[in-house]
Amino acid sequence: MSTRSTYRVIEKGEYGSKKWANKLVLLYIQMDGYPSGHPSEIAEWLASGTVVNGLGINQKEQLLFNGAGCLAAQLVEKMKDGPGGAYILPIQHRGKCDEEYVYDIIVDSNTQTIEFIAYYVTSGGYDNKPPRFKKLYSGAPAGFAEWVGNVYSKQE
């Protein structure tokens, strides 16, 4: 049986005293979605990049995310290499795709930082119950690999 997962990319910010958030994309992946699978690779990839607001001439050699929309498009490109395996779904399907894990990638447009959050799905899916999630990790993408090595792998 495959370990299904979804990634949700969210852009958030603050304008004056008003906070806002836009859920941009839900990417469903059919296999290897346990934390030590492709999510560890995605967290390392995110940690190796930089969120920017505008591109300069000499920035071609670096991994850059020109905002959350650019990051979302690059994530789809990274996970999709042909037919099957990865699908874009409506945001409201999160936790209802019989996935075991869900991941949030939150891009703060004010601080230009990325937060990576991992959840285990405790209920929901195809049984028509509302999805419930247990938060496993929340923090910078760079800390996710350490969490997987120190905490998650000991729980398996």
Protein backbone atom coordinates (compact mmCIF):
# COMPACT_ATOMS: atom_id res chain seq x y z
CA MET A 1 0.00 0.00 0.00
CA SER A 2 1.28 3.46 -0.83
CA THR A 3 1.71 6.21 1.74
CA ARG A 4 -0.37 9.02 0.29
CA SER A 5 0.25 12.65 1.22
CA THR A 6 -0.66 16.18 0.27
CA TYR A 7 1.26 19.44 0.25
CA ARG A 8 -0.58 22.71 0.66
CA VAL A 9 1.22 25.94 -0.22
CA ILE A 10 -0.05 28.98 1.67
CA GLU A 11 0.99 32.60 1.31
CA LYS A 12 0.45 34.77 4.37
CA GLY A 13 1.20 38.35 5.27
CA GLU A 14 0.18 41.43 7.10
CA TYR A 15 -0.85 44.78 5.72
CA GLY A 16 -1.13 47.40 8.43
CA SER A 17 -3.01 45.66 11.21
CA LYS A 18 -4.79 43.23 8.89
CA LYS A 19 -3.45 39.68 8.56
CA TRP A 20 -4.28 37.62 5.50
CA ALA A 21 -3.60 34.15 4.06
CA ASN A 22 -4.13 32.65 0.61
CA LYS A 23 -4.19 28.89 0.08
CA LEU A 24 -2.64 28.55 -3.35
CA VAL A 25 -2.40 24.88 -4.25
CA LEU A 26 -2.98 21.36 -2.96
CA LEU A 27 -0.61 18.79 -4.42
CA TYR A 28 -1.55 15.13 -3.89
CA ILE A 29 1.27 12.57 -4.05
CA GLN A 30 0.41 8.86 -4.21
CA MET A 31 3.46 7.29 -2.59
CA ASP A 32 6.36 7.71 -0.14
CA GLY A 33 4.66 10.51 1.80
CA TYR A 34 5.89 9.38 5.23
CA PRO A 35 8.19 12.02 6.82
CA SER A 36 11.44 10.24 5.95
CA GLY A 37 10.35 9.88 2.30
CA HIS A 38 9.98 12.74 -0.17
CA PRO A 39 8.92 15.25 2.54
CA SER A 40 12.50 15.16 3.89
CA GLU A 41 13.79 15.86 0.39
CA ILE A 42 11.29 18.70 -0.06
CA ALA A 43 12.26 20.24 3.30
CA GLU A 44 15.96 20.13 2.32
CA TRP A 45 15.12 21.66 -1.06
CA LEU A 46 13.11 24.45 0.59
CA ALA A 47 15.94 25.09 3.08
CA SER A 48 18.42 25.44 0.21
CA GLY A 49 16.35 28.19 -1.44
CA THR A 50 15.58 31.81 -0.71
CA VAL A 51 12.25 33.61 -0.89
CA VAL A 52 12.60 36.94 -2.71
CA ASN A 53 10.36 39.73 -3.88
CA GLY A 54 11.65 40.36 -7.39
CA LEU A 55 14.50 38.86 -9.35
CA GLY A 56 17.87 40.42 -10.06
CA ILE A 57 20.15 39.87 -13.03
CA ASN A 58 22.83 37.88 -11.20
CA GLN A 59 20.55 35.49 -9.36
CA LYS A 60 20.40 32.64 -11.89
CA GLU A 61 22.79 30.32 -10.01
CA GLN A 62 20.74 30.19 -6.81
CA LEU A 63 17.49 28.45 -5.94
CA LEU A 64 15.04 31.33 -5.62
CA PHE A 65 11.33 31.45 -4.93
CA ASN A 66 9.90 34.73 -6.21
CA GLY A 67 7.05 34.60 -3.71
CA ALA A 68 4.68 31.80 -2.76
CA GLY A 69 3.19 31.39 -6.24
CA CYS A 70 6.64 30.79 -7.71
CA LEU A 71 7.44 28.31 -4.93
CA ALA A 72 4.16 26.44 -5.58
CA ALA A 73 4.91 26.18 -9.32
CA GLN A 74 8.43 24.91 -8.64
CA LEU A 75 7.09 22.34 -6.16
CA VAL A 76 4.72 20.96 -8.79
CA GLU A 77 7.60 20.82 -11.28
CA LYS A 78 9.82 19.03 -8.75
CA MET A 79 7.21 16.38 -7.90
CA LYS A 80 5.75 15.81 -11.38
CA ASP A 81 7.81 13.89 -13.93
CA GLY A 82 5.14 12.32 -16.12
CA PRO A 83 1.60 10.94 -16.00
CA GLY A 84 0.28 9.74 -12.65
CA GLY A 85 1.82 9.95 -9.21
CA ALA A 86 1.16 13.64 -8.51
CA TYR A 87 -2.06 15.60 -8.94
CA ILE A 88 -3.31 19.13 -8.25
CA LEU A 89 -6.59 18.96 -6.33
CA PRO A 90 -9.02 21.53 -4.93
CA ILE A 91 -7.82 22.95 -1.60
CA GLN A 92 -10.92 21.65 0.20
CA HIS A 93 -9.89 18.04 -0.53
CA ARG A 94 -7.08 18.26 2.04
CA GLY A 95 -7.47 15.39 4.50
CA LYS A 96 -10.13 13.77 2.33
CA CYS A 97 -7.91 11.92 -0.16
CA ASP A 98 -7.20 8.93 2.08
CA GLU A 99 -3.76 10.42 2.71
CA GLU A 100 -1.83 9.52 5.86
CA TYR A 101 0.22 12.71 6.06
CA VAL A 102 -0.39 16.32 5.12
CA TYR A 103 2.23 19.03 4.84
CA ASP A 104 1.86 22.79 4.86
CA ILE A 105 4.44 25.07 3.29
CA ILE A 106 3.70 28.58 4.54
CA VAL A 107 5.46 31.51 2.90
CA ASP A 108 5.40 34.75 4.87
CA SER A 109 5.46 37.53 2.30
CA ASN A 110 6.48 40.13 4.90
CA THR A 111 9.51 38.31 6.36
CA GLN A 112 10.16 36.18 3.26
CA THR A 113 10.53 33.06 5.38
CA ILE A 114 9.17 29.54 4.99
CA GLU A 115 7.50 27.46 7.68
CA PHE A 116 7.14 23.70 7.15
CA ILE A 117 4.42 21.86 9.07
CA ALA A 118 3.82 18.09 9.09
CA TYR A 119 0.61 16.43 10.29
CA TYR A 120 -0.57 12.87 10.64
CA VAL A 121 -4.18 12.36 9.52
CA THR A 122 -6.05 10.67 12.38
CA SER A 123 -9.49 10.52 10.76
CA GLY A 124 -11.30 11.55 7.62
CA GLY A 125 -10.61 10.40 4.11
CA TYR A 126 -13.21 8.47 2.22
CA ASP A 127 -15.33 7.75 5.31
CA ASN A 128 -17.05 11.18 5.07
CA LYS A 129 -15.90 12.16 8.55
CA PRO A 130 -14.27 15.58 8.95
CA PRO A 131 -10.50 15.22 8.74
CA ARG A 132 -8.55 15.48 11.98
CA PHE A 133 -4.83 16.09 12.15
CA LYS A 134 -2.11 15.52 14.72
CA LYS A 135 0.72 18.05 14.36
CA LEU A 136 4.08 16.31 14.20
CA TYR A 137 6.48 19.12 13.28
CA SER A 138 6.33 22.87 12.85
CA GLY A 139 9.32 25.04 12.09
CA ALA A 140 11.92 25.94 9.53
CA PRO A 141 12.42 23.43 6.71
CA ALA A 142 16.07 23.04 7.74
CA GLY A 143 15.01 21.57 11.10
CA PHE A 144 12.74 18.94 9.60
CA ALA A 145 15.55 16.50 8.69
CA GLU A 146 16.88 16.68 12.25
CA TRP A 147 13.38 16.05 13.61
CA VAL A 148 12.98 13.05 11.30
CA GLY A 149 16.31 11.62 12.47
CA ASN A 150 15.88 12.31 16.17
CA VAL A 151 12.15 11.98 16.80
CA TYR A 152 10.16 10.45 13.97
CA SER A 153 12.50 7.54 13.18
CA LYS A 154 12.33 6.44 16.85
CA GLN A 155 8.52 6.34 16.69
CA GLU A 156 8.40 4.03 13.65
